[in-house]
N, C-alpha and C. Protein backbone atom coordinates (compact mmCIF):
# COMPACT_ATOMS: atom_id res chain seq x y z
N MET A 1 52.01 -1.94 -37.20
CA MET A 1 51.65 -3.17 -36.55
C MET A 1 50.12 -3.25 -36.48
N VAL A 2 49.62 -4.36 -36.88
CA VAL A 2 48.18 -4.57 -36.93
C VAL A 2 47.71 -5.15 -35.60
N LYS A 3 46.67 -4.56 -35.09
CA LYS A 3 46.10 -5.01 -33.82
C LYS A 3 45.37 -6.33 -34.04
N PRO A 4 45.64 -7.33 -33.18
CA PRO A 4 44.94 -8.61 -33.37
C PRO A 4 43.46 -8.46 -33.04
N ARG A 5 42.65 -9.08 -33.84
CA ARG A 5 41.20 -8.99 -33.66
C ARG A 5 40.63 -10.37 -33.41
N THR A 6 39.69 -10.40 -32.53
CA THR A 6 38.99 -11.65 -32.29
C THR A 6 37.63 -11.51 -32.96
N GLU A 7 37.41 -12.35 -33.92
CA GLU A 7 36.13 -12.29 -34.62
C GLU A 7 35.44 -13.62 -34.50
N ARG A 8 34.15 -13.52 -34.44
CA ARG A 8 33.34 -14.72 -34.40
C ARG A 8 32.14 -14.50 -35.29
N SER A 9 31.73 -15.55 -35.91
CA SER A 9 30.50 -15.42 -36.69
C SER A 9 29.35 -15.68 -35.74
N LEU A 10 28.35 -14.86 -35.87
CA LEU A 10 27.18 -15.01 -35.03
C LEU A 10 26.10 -15.74 -35.80
N LEU A 11 25.48 -16.63 -35.13
CA LEU A 11 24.35 -17.32 -35.73
C LEU A 11 23.09 -16.67 -35.19
N PHE A 12 22.30 -16.13 -36.07
CA PHE A 12 21.04 -15.53 -35.67
C PHE A 12 19.95 -16.58 -35.79
N PRO A 13 18.96 -16.52 -34.94
CA PRO A 13 17.91 -17.54 -34.98
C PRO A 13 17.09 -17.52 -36.26
N SER A 14 17.00 -16.35 -36.89
CA SER A 14 16.24 -16.28 -38.14
C SER A 14 16.73 -15.09 -38.96
N LYS A 15 16.36 -15.10 -40.23
CA LYS A 15 16.74 -13.98 -41.09
C LYS A 15 16.03 -12.70 -40.65
N GLU A 16 14.80 -12.83 -40.18
CA GLU A 16 14.05 -11.67 -39.72
C GLU A 16 14.74 -10.99 -38.54
N PHE A 17 15.25 -11.81 -37.61
CA PHE A 17 15.95 -11.26 -36.45
C PHE A 17 17.23 -10.56 -36.90
N ARG A 18 17.93 -11.15 -37.84
CA ARG A 18 19.16 -10.54 -38.37
C ARG A 18 18.84 -9.19 -39.00
N GLU A 19 17.75 -9.09 -39.72
CA GLU A 19 17.35 -7.83 -40.33
C GLU A 19 16.95 -6.79 -39.28
N GLN A 20 16.32 -7.25 -38.22
CA GLN A 20 15.96 -6.33 -37.13
C GLN A 20 17.20 -5.74 -36.49
N VAL A 21 18.22 -6.60 -36.27
CA VAL A 21 19.49 -6.12 -35.69
C VAL A 21 20.15 -5.14 -36.63
N ARG A 22 20.19 -5.46 -37.90
CA ARG A 22 20.80 -4.59 -38.90
C ARG A 22 20.09 -3.23 -38.93
N LYS A 23 18.76 -3.25 -38.97
CA LYS A 23 17.97 -2.01 -39.04
C LYS A 23 18.16 -1.18 -37.76
N ALA A 24 18.13 -1.85 -36.58
CA ALA A 24 18.27 -1.13 -35.31
C ALA A 24 19.64 -0.50 -35.20
N SER A 25 20.69 -1.20 -35.63
CA SER A 25 22.04 -0.64 -35.54
C SER A 25 22.18 0.56 -36.46
N LYS A 26 21.57 0.50 -37.61
CA LYS A 26 21.62 1.63 -38.55
C LYS A 26 20.80 2.81 -38.03
N ASP A 27 19.58 2.52 -37.52
CA ASP A 27 18.69 3.58 -37.02
C ASP A 27 19.28 4.29 -35.81
N ARG A 28 19.99 3.58 -34.99
CA ARG A 28 20.52 4.16 -33.75
C ARG A 28 21.92 4.74 -33.91
N GLY A 29 22.44 4.72 -35.11
CA GLY A 29 23.70 5.40 -35.40
C GLY A 29 24.95 4.62 -35.05
N PHE A 30 24.90 3.32 -34.94
CA PHE A 30 26.10 2.53 -34.68
C PHE A 30 26.87 2.33 -35.97
N ARG A 31 28.20 2.20 -35.84
CA ARG A 31 29.03 2.02 -37.03
C ARG A 31 28.79 0.69 -37.70
N SER A 32 28.48 -0.30 -36.87
CA SER A 32 28.28 -1.64 -37.43
C SER A 32 27.34 -2.43 -36.54
N GLU A 33 26.97 -3.59 -37.04
CA GLU A 33 26.13 -4.48 -36.23
C GLU A 33 26.88 -4.93 -34.98
N GLN A 34 28.16 -5.16 -35.14
CA GLN A 34 28.97 -5.62 -34.01
C GLN A 34 29.00 -4.57 -32.90
N ALA A 35 29.13 -3.30 -33.27
CA ALA A 35 29.14 -2.23 -32.26
C ALA A 35 27.80 -2.20 -31.53
N PHE A 36 26.72 -2.40 -32.27
CA PHE A 36 25.39 -2.44 -31.66
C PHE A 36 25.27 -3.62 -30.69
N ILE A 37 25.74 -4.77 -31.10
CA ILE A 37 25.66 -5.98 -30.25
C ILE A 37 26.53 -5.81 -29.01
N LEU A 38 27.72 -5.22 -29.16
CA LEU A 38 28.59 -5.00 -28.01
C LEU A 38 27.96 -4.01 -27.02
N ALA A 39 27.34 -2.95 -27.54
CA ALA A 39 26.67 -1.99 -26.66
C ALA A 39 25.52 -2.66 -25.91
N ALA A 40 24.78 -3.52 -26.61
CA ALA A 40 23.68 -4.24 -25.95
C ALA A 40 24.21 -5.17 -24.87
N CYS A 41 25.34 -5.81 -25.14
CA CYS A 41 25.95 -6.70 -24.13
C CYS A 41 26.41 -5.89 -22.91
N GLU A 42 27.05 -4.75 -23.16
CA GLU A 42 27.49 -3.90 -22.05
C GLU A 42 26.32 -3.46 -21.19
N ARG A 43 25.25 -3.02 -21.87
CA ARG A 43 24.07 -2.56 -21.14
C ARG A 43 23.47 -3.70 -20.31
N GLU A 44 23.45 -4.88 -20.84
CA GLU A 44 22.91 -6.04 -20.11
C GLU A 44 23.78 -6.38 -18.91
N ILE A 45 25.08 -6.28 -19.06
CA ILE A 45 25.99 -6.56 -17.94
C ILE A 45 25.79 -5.53 -16.84
N ARG A 46 25.69 -4.22 -17.24
CA ARG A 46 25.45 -3.19 -16.24
C ARG A 46 24.11 -3.39 -15.53
N ARG A 47 23.11 -3.78 -16.28
CA ARG A 47 21.79 -4.01 -15.68
C ARG A 47 21.85 -5.15 -14.66
N GLY A 48 22.67 -6.14 -14.93
CA GLY A 48 22.85 -7.23 -13.97
C GLY A 48 23.50 -6.76 -12.69
N GLU A 49 24.39 -5.75 -12.79
CA GLU A 49 25.03 -5.20 -11.60
C GLU A 49 24.04 -4.38 -10.78
N ASN A 50 23.02 -3.86 -11.42
CA ASN A 50 22.03 -3.03 -10.72
C ASN A 50 20.98 -3.85 -10.00
N THR A 51 21.00 -5.16 -10.14
CA THR A 51 19.97 -5.97 -9.48
C THR A 51 20.08 -5.87 -7.96
N ASP A 52 21.30 -5.70 -7.45
CA ASP A 52 21.46 -5.53 -6.00
C ASP A 52 20.77 -4.24 -5.54
N ALA A 53 20.94 -3.18 -6.31
CA ALA A 53 20.32 -1.91 -5.95
C ALA A 53 18.80 -2.03 -5.99
N VAL A 54 18.28 -2.73 -6.99
CA VAL A 54 16.84 -2.93 -7.09
C VAL A 54 16.33 -3.77 -5.92
N THR A 55 17.08 -4.81 -5.56
CA THR A 55 16.69 -5.65 -4.43
C THR A 55 16.67 -4.84 -3.14
N GLN A 56 17.68 -4.00 -2.93
CA GLN A 56 17.71 -3.15 -1.74
C GLN A 56 16.55 -2.16 -1.73
N PHE A 57 16.24 -1.59 -2.90
CA PHE A 57 15.12 -0.66 -3.00
C PHE A 57 13.81 -1.37 -2.66
N GLU A 58 13.63 -2.57 -3.19
CA GLU A 58 12.41 -3.33 -2.89
C GLU A 58 12.31 -3.63 -1.40
N ALA A 59 13.45 -3.94 -0.76
CA ALA A 59 13.44 -4.22 0.67
C ALA A 59 13.04 -2.97 1.46
N ARG A 60 13.55 -1.80 1.03
CA ARG A 60 13.18 -0.55 1.72
C ARG A 60 11.70 -0.24 1.55
N VAL A 61 11.17 -0.47 0.35
CA VAL A 61 9.74 -0.23 0.12
C VAL A 61 8.91 -1.17 0.97
N ALA A 62 9.30 -2.44 1.04
CA ALA A 62 8.57 -3.41 1.85
C ALA A 62 8.61 -3.02 3.33
N ALA A 63 9.76 -2.57 3.81
CA ALA A 63 9.87 -2.16 5.21
C ALA A 63 8.99 -0.93 5.48
N THR A 64 8.96 -0.01 4.53
CA THR A 64 8.12 1.18 4.69
C THR A 64 6.65 0.80 4.76
N LEU A 65 6.22 -0.11 3.88
CA LEU A 65 4.83 -0.54 3.88
C LEU A 65 4.48 -1.28 5.17
N THR A 66 5.40 -2.09 5.68
CA THR A 66 5.16 -2.78 6.94
C THR A 66 5.01 -1.78 8.09
N ASN A 67 5.89 -0.78 8.11
CA ASN A 67 5.81 0.26 9.14
C ASN A 67 4.50 1.03 9.04
N LEU A 68 4.08 1.34 7.82
CA LEU A 68 2.83 2.05 7.62
C LEU A 68 1.64 1.21 8.10
N ALA A 69 1.67 -0.09 7.84
CA ALA A 69 0.59 -0.97 8.31
C ALA A 69 0.53 -0.98 9.83
N LYS A 70 1.69 -1.00 10.48
CA LYS A 70 1.71 -0.97 11.95
C LYS A 70 1.13 0.34 12.48
N GLN A 71 1.46 1.45 11.82
CA GLN A 71 0.94 2.74 12.26
C GLN A 71 -0.57 2.82 12.09
N VAL A 72 -1.08 2.29 10.97
CA VAL A 72 -2.52 2.29 10.75
C VAL A 72 -3.21 1.43 11.79
N GLN A 73 -2.62 0.29 12.11
CA GLN A 73 -3.18 -0.58 13.16
C GLN A 73 -3.19 0.16 14.49
N GLY A 74 -2.13 0.91 14.78
CA GLY A 74 -2.08 1.69 16.01
C GLY A 74 -3.17 2.75 16.06
N LEU A 75 -3.43 3.39 14.92
CA LEU A 75 -4.51 4.38 14.86
C LEU A 75 -5.87 3.72 15.09
N HIS A 76 -6.04 2.54 14.55
CA HIS A 76 -7.30 1.81 14.76
C HIS A 76 -7.47 1.49 16.24
N THR A 77 -6.39 1.04 16.88
CA THR A 77 -6.44 0.74 18.31
C THR A 77 -6.74 2.01 19.11
N LEU A 78 -6.13 3.13 18.72
CA LEU A 78 -6.36 4.40 19.39
C LEU A 78 -7.83 4.81 19.25
N ALA A 79 -8.40 4.65 18.07
CA ALA A 79 -9.81 5.00 17.87
C ALA A 79 -10.71 4.14 18.75
N GLN A 80 -10.38 2.85 18.86
CA GLN A 80 -11.17 1.98 19.73
C GLN A 80 -11.06 2.42 21.18
N ALA A 81 -9.87 2.82 21.61
CA ALA A 81 -9.67 3.28 22.99
C ALA A 81 -10.48 4.56 23.24
N GLN A 82 -10.52 5.45 22.27
CA GLN A 82 -11.28 6.69 22.44
C GLN A 82 -12.77 6.41 22.54
N VAL A 83 -13.28 5.47 21.74
CA VAL A 83 -14.69 5.11 21.82
C VAL A 83 -14.99 4.50 23.19
N ALA A 84 -14.11 3.63 23.67
CA ALA A 84 -14.32 3.02 24.98
C ALA A 84 -14.30 4.08 26.09
N LEU A 85 -13.37 5.03 25.99
CA LEU A 85 -13.29 6.10 27.00
C LEU A 85 -14.56 6.95 26.98
N THR A 86 -15.03 7.29 25.81
CA THR A 86 -16.27 8.07 25.69
C THR A 86 -17.44 7.30 26.31
N ASP A 87 -17.49 6.01 26.07
CA ASP A 87 -18.55 5.18 26.64
C ASP A 87 -18.49 5.21 28.17
N VAL A 88 -17.30 5.09 28.73
CA VAL A 88 -17.15 5.11 30.19
C VAL A 88 -17.59 6.46 30.75
N VAL A 89 -17.18 7.56 30.10
CA VAL A 89 -17.55 8.89 30.58
C VAL A 89 -19.07 9.06 30.52
N LEU A 90 -19.70 8.65 29.44
CA LEU A 90 -21.16 8.76 29.33
C LEU A 90 -21.88 7.92 30.38
N ASN A 91 -21.39 6.70 30.59
CA ASN A 91 -22.00 5.86 31.64
C ASN A 91 -21.86 6.50 33.01
N TYR A 92 -20.71 7.12 33.28
CA TYR A 92 -20.50 7.80 34.56
C TYR A 92 -21.48 8.96 34.70
N ILE A 93 -21.58 9.76 33.64
CA ILE A 93 -22.49 10.91 33.70
C ILE A 93 -23.93 10.45 33.91
N ILE A 94 -24.35 9.46 33.14
CA ILE A 94 -25.73 8.97 33.25
C ILE A 94 -25.99 8.40 34.64
N THR A 95 -25.02 7.73 35.20
CA THR A 95 -25.19 7.09 36.50
C THR A 95 -25.13 8.09 37.65
N CYS A 96 -24.23 9.05 37.58
CA CYS A 96 -23.95 9.90 38.73
C CYS A 96 -24.68 11.24 38.75
N VAL A 97 -25.14 11.71 37.63
CA VAL A 97 -25.81 13.01 37.60
C VAL A 97 -27.28 12.81 37.95
N VAL A 98 -27.74 13.61 38.88
CA VAL A 98 -29.13 13.51 39.34
C VAL A 98 -30.04 14.23 38.36
N GLU A 99 -31.15 13.61 38.03
CA GLU A 99 -32.12 14.26 37.14
C GLU A 99 -32.86 15.34 37.90
N PRO A 100 -33.18 16.42 37.22
CA PRO A 100 -33.95 17.48 37.89
C PRO A 100 -35.39 17.03 38.13
N PRO A 101 -36.07 17.68 39.06
CA PRO A 101 -37.47 17.33 39.30
C PRO A 101 -38.32 17.60 38.06
N GLU A 102 -39.50 16.98 38.01
CA GLU A 102 -40.37 17.06 36.84
C GLU A 102 -40.74 18.49 36.48
N ASP A 103 -41.00 19.33 37.44
CA ASP A 103 -41.42 20.70 37.12
C ASP A 103 -40.26 21.54 36.57
N ALA A 104 -38.97 21.19 36.88
CA ALA A 104 -37.81 21.94 36.39
C ALA A 104 -37.20 21.30 35.14
N LEU A 105 -37.75 20.18 34.68
CA LEU A 105 -37.18 19.44 33.55
C LEU A 105 -37.16 20.26 32.25
N PRO A 106 -38.23 20.93 31.84
CA PRO A 106 -38.16 21.71 30.59
C PRO A 106 -37.10 22.81 30.63
N ALA A 107 -37.00 23.52 31.74
CA ALA A 107 -35.99 24.58 31.85
C ALA A 107 -34.58 23.98 31.82
N ALA A 108 -34.40 22.82 32.46
CA ALA A 108 -33.08 22.17 32.47
C ALA A 108 -32.70 21.73 31.05
N ARG A 109 -33.67 21.25 30.29
CA ARG A 109 -33.39 20.84 28.91
C ARG A 109 -32.99 22.04 28.06
N VAL A 110 -33.66 23.15 28.25
CA VAL A 110 -33.32 24.36 27.50
C VAL A 110 -31.91 24.82 27.84
N ARG A 111 -31.58 24.85 29.15
CA ARG A 111 -30.22 25.25 29.55
C ARG A 111 -29.17 24.27 29.00
N ALA A 112 -29.49 22.98 29.01
CA ALA A 112 -28.55 21.97 28.48
C ALA A 112 -28.34 22.18 26.99
N ARG A 113 -29.42 22.46 26.26
CA ARG A 113 -29.32 22.72 24.82
C ARG A 113 -28.47 23.96 24.55
N LEU A 114 -28.62 25.00 25.34
CA LEU A 114 -27.82 26.22 25.19
C LEU A 114 -26.34 25.95 25.46
N ARG A 115 -26.07 25.16 26.53
CA ARG A 115 -24.67 24.80 26.82
C ARG A 115 -24.07 24.00 25.67
N TYR A 116 -24.85 23.08 25.14
CA TYR A 116 -24.38 22.24 24.03
C TYR A 116 -24.09 23.10 22.80
N ASP A 117 -25.01 23.99 22.45
CA ASP A 117 -24.80 24.88 21.30
C ASP A 117 -23.56 25.74 21.50
N LYS A 118 -23.36 26.24 22.71
CA LYS A 118 -22.18 27.06 23.01
C LYS A 118 -20.90 26.24 22.82
N LEU A 119 -20.91 24.99 23.29
CA LEU A 119 -19.76 24.11 23.14
C LEU A 119 -19.47 23.83 21.66
N VAL A 120 -20.51 23.58 20.88
CA VAL A 120 -20.33 23.30 19.45
C VAL A 120 -19.75 24.54 18.74
N ARG A 121 -20.27 25.72 19.04
CA ARG A 121 -19.75 26.95 18.43
C ARG A 121 -18.28 27.16 18.78
N ALA A 122 -17.93 26.92 20.03
CA ALA A 122 -16.53 27.08 20.46
C ALA A 122 -15.63 26.10 19.70
N GLN A 123 -16.08 24.88 19.52
CA GLN A 123 -15.27 23.89 18.78
C GLN A 123 -15.11 24.30 17.31
N ARG A 124 -16.18 24.82 16.72
CA ARG A 124 -16.10 25.27 15.32
C ARG A 124 -15.10 26.41 15.19
N ARG A 125 -15.16 27.36 16.11
CA ARG A 125 -14.20 28.47 16.07
C ARG A 125 -12.76 27.96 16.22
N LYS A 126 -12.59 27.04 17.14
CA LYS A 126 -11.25 26.49 17.37
C LYS A 126 -10.74 25.76 16.13
N ARG A 127 -11.61 24.95 15.49
CA ARG A 127 -11.21 24.22 14.29
C ARG A 127 -10.88 25.17 13.15
N SER A 128 -11.71 26.17 12.94
CA SER A 128 -11.45 27.10 11.84
C SER A 128 -10.18 27.90 12.10
N ARG A 129 -9.91 28.27 13.36
CA ARG A 129 -8.68 28.98 13.70
C ARG A 129 -7.47 28.07 13.46
N THR A 130 -7.59 26.80 13.82
CA THR A 130 -6.49 25.86 13.63
C THR A 130 -6.21 25.68 12.14
N LYS A 131 -7.26 25.56 11.32
CA LYS A 131 -7.06 25.41 9.88
C LYS A 131 -6.41 26.65 9.30
N THR A 132 -6.84 27.82 9.73
CA THR A 132 -6.26 29.07 9.23
C THR A 132 -4.80 29.16 9.62
N GLU A 133 -4.46 28.81 10.86
CA GLU A 133 -3.06 28.85 11.30
C GLU A 133 -2.23 27.84 10.54
N THR A 134 -2.78 26.68 10.28
CA THR A 134 -2.04 25.66 9.55
C THR A 134 -1.78 26.12 8.13
N LEU A 135 -2.79 26.70 7.49
CA LEU A 135 -2.61 27.16 6.12
C LEU A 135 -1.65 28.35 6.03
N SER A 136 -1.65 29.20 7.05
CA SER A 136 -0.76 30.37 7.00
C SER A 136 0.65 30.03 7.45
N GLY A 137 0.86 28.81 7.93
CA GLY A 137 2.20 28.39 8.34
C GLY A 137 2.51 28.67 9.78
N ARG A 138 1.57 29.23 10.53
CA ARG A 138 1.78 29.48 11.96
C ARG A 138 1.33 28.25 12.73
N TRP A 139 2.06 27.92 13.75
CA TRP A 139 1.68 26.76 14.59
C TRP A 139 1.34 27.30 15.90
């Protein structure tokens, strides 16, 4: 019993296109031009089914970027708050701390410079220790 076949003649837009199809089907190992065309149709149908997945992926990427923008804005706001807090603390110190008398001013400046240098050294040690702990995996 012979299996019924549905055949249709295809009209190609040009002879060059027909030759391209013929060459591509031969180069890619298809048995015939029709097998090549059917595979291309299948692939196109499957690609159409994947548009939902692509749309969902794009929505997730957009949501991630929106969330990231909000976090960056929050960091900017935090930095502004820290600058404002530092300004308030400095104004308080300048306003409330009494200046030493003129004859003790040079010694007070030297002691202040020593305290400042000590504070900077302590911060450097702390930062280098934190970097070392982070790199070694210890928290």
